[in-house]
Amino acid sequence: MSIEISFDSGKQYIQVKGELTSATVMDALQQFSRECKALPSWVIDFTRVSKVDSSAIALLIELKRKARQNNKTVKFIYLPAALLQIARLSQVDGLLTEET
């Protein structure tokens, strides 16, 4: 199980690759902090995420909170269907689809 967060300078977004689960979410948060620090806005692409669980929701909410704290905008793109389903069941799907 691993997660990799990297900035794609050509496309100007942050790419998430791997499993976003309780086993990797703290590592992901540290990587996000490192990759996002200098960017004026955060566009985070989840195309290459292979597995998620409910801890991914907590991570995305925390990223939105950090973005607001730092006067940044954040947008999540290509969220996995499983993550959207968890968000709907948790009644937080609106938080993930709105841009802040």
Protein backbone atom coordinates (compact mmCIF):
# COMPACT_ATOMS: atom_id res chain seq x y z
CA MET A 1 0.00 0.00 0.00
CA SER A 2 1.42 3.34 -0.99
CA ILE A 3 0.42 6.82 -2.03
CA GLU A 4 2.34 9.32 -4.13
CA ILE A 5 1.52 13.01 -4.39
CA SER A 6 3.33 15.00 -7.07
CA PHE A 7 3.00 18.29 -8.92
CA ASP A 8 2.63 18.08 -12.69
CA SER A 9 4.13 21.34 -13.91
CA GLY A 10 2.97 20.77 -17.47
CA LYS A 11 -0.68 20.47 -16.52
CA GLN A 12 -0.48 22.66 -13.41
CA TYR A 13 -2.16 20.23 -11.05
CA ILE A 14 -1.32 17.89 -8.22
CA GLN A 15 -1.53 14.20 -9.12
CA VAL A 16 -2.53 11.58 -6.56
CA LYS A 17 -1.42 8.03 -7.32
CA GLY A 18 -2.06 4.84 -5.35
CA GLU A 19 -4.28 3.90 -2.44
CA LEU A 20 -5.87 6.62 -0.34
CA THR A 21 -6.79 4.65 2.78
CA SER A 22 -6.33 4.77 6.54
CA ALA A 23 -2.91 3.18 6.02
CA THR A 24 -1.70 5.98 3.72
CA VAL A 25 -3.70 9.09 4.60
CA MET A 26 -1.15 10.58 7.06
CA ASP A 27 1.66 10.10 4.54
CA ALA A 28 -0.56 11.73 1.90
CA LEU A 29 -1.20 14.73 4.15
CA GLN A 30 2.55 15.24 4.63
CA GLN A 31 3.15 14.96 0.90
CA PHE A 32 0.33 17.41 0.14
CA SER A 33 1.83 19.91 2.59
CA ARG A 34 5.16 19.68 0.79
CA GLU A 35 3.77 19.81 -2.78
CA CYS A 36 1.11 22.49 -2.22
CA LYS A 37 3.07 24.96 -0.14
CA ALA A 38 4.15 27.36 -2.91
CA LEU A 39 1.20 26.95 -5.27
CA PRO A 40 -1.32 29.82 -5.51
CA SER A 41 -4.21 27.42 -6.11
CA TRP A 42 -4.60 23.69 -5.74
CA VAL A 43 -6.14 21.53 -8.46
CA ILE A 44 -5.91 17.95 -7.26
CA ASP A 45 -6.38 15.12 -9.76
CA PHE A 46 -7.50 11.71 -8.47
CA THR A 47 -7.42 9.85 -11.81
CA ARG A 48 -4.70 7.46 -10.68
CA VAL A 49 -6.15 6.59 -7.26
CA SER A 50 -6.71 2.84 -7.15
CA LYS A 51 -8.45 2.41 -3.77
CA VAL A 52 -10.17 4.63 -1.19
CA ASP A 53 -11.87 4.29 2.16
CA SER A 54 -13.66 6.72 4.45
CA SER A 55 -10.41 8.21 5.76
CA ALA A 56 -9.97 9.81 2.32
CA ILE A 57 -13.01 11.99 3.09
CA ALA A 58 -11.34 13.28 6.24
CA LEU A 59 -8.19 14.06 4.25
CA LEU A 60 -10.08 16.05 1.61
CA ILE A 61 -11.96 18.02 4.27
CA GLU A 62 -8.63 18.77 5.97
CA LEU A 63 -7.15 19.94 2.66
CA LYS A 64 -10.09 22.30 2.18
CA ARG A 65 -9.53 23.65 5.70
CA LYS A 66 -5.81 24.17 5.05
CA ALA A 67 -6.54 25.91 1.76
CA ARG A 68 -8.90 28.35 3.48
CA GLN A 69 -6.33 28.99 6.22
CA ASN A 70 -3.72 29.84 3.61
CA ASN A 71 -6.03 31.90 1.35
CA LYS A 72 -5.74 29.34 -1.46
CA THR A 73 -8.35 27.85 -3.73
CA VAL A 74 -8.72 24.09 -4.00
CA LYS A 75 -10.53 21.99 -6.56
CA PHE A 76 -10.77 18.19 -6.63
CA ILE A 77 -11.03 16.63 -10.09
CA TYR A 78 -11.77 13.08 -11.22
CA LEU A 79 -12.79 11.86 -7.78
CA PRO A 80 -13.22 8.06 -7.74
CA ALA A 81 -16.82 6.80 -7.80
CA ALA A 82 -16.24 4.91 -4.55
CA LEU A 83 -15.13 8.12 -2.83
CA LEU A 84 -18.16 10.01 -4.11
CA GLN A 85 -20.41 7.22 -2.86
CA ILE A 86 -18.85 7.37 0.61
CA ALA A 87 -19.26 11.14 0.57
CA ARG A 88 -22.94 10.85 -0.40
CA LEU A 89 -23.59 8.33 2.37
CA SER A 90 -21.80 10.62 4.83
CA GLN A 91 -23.76 13.61 3.48
CA VAL A 92 -20.59 15.59 2.73
CA ASP A 93 -20.57 15.27 -1.07
CA GLY A 94 -21.29 18.98 -1.46
CA LEU A 95 -18.04 19.79 0.33
CA LEU A 96 -16.02 17.79 -2.15
CA THR A 97 -17.54 19.10 -5.35
CA GLU A 98 -17.58 22.81 -4.54
CA GLU A 99 -14.51 24.86 -5.32
CA THR A 100 -13.15 26.95 -2.47
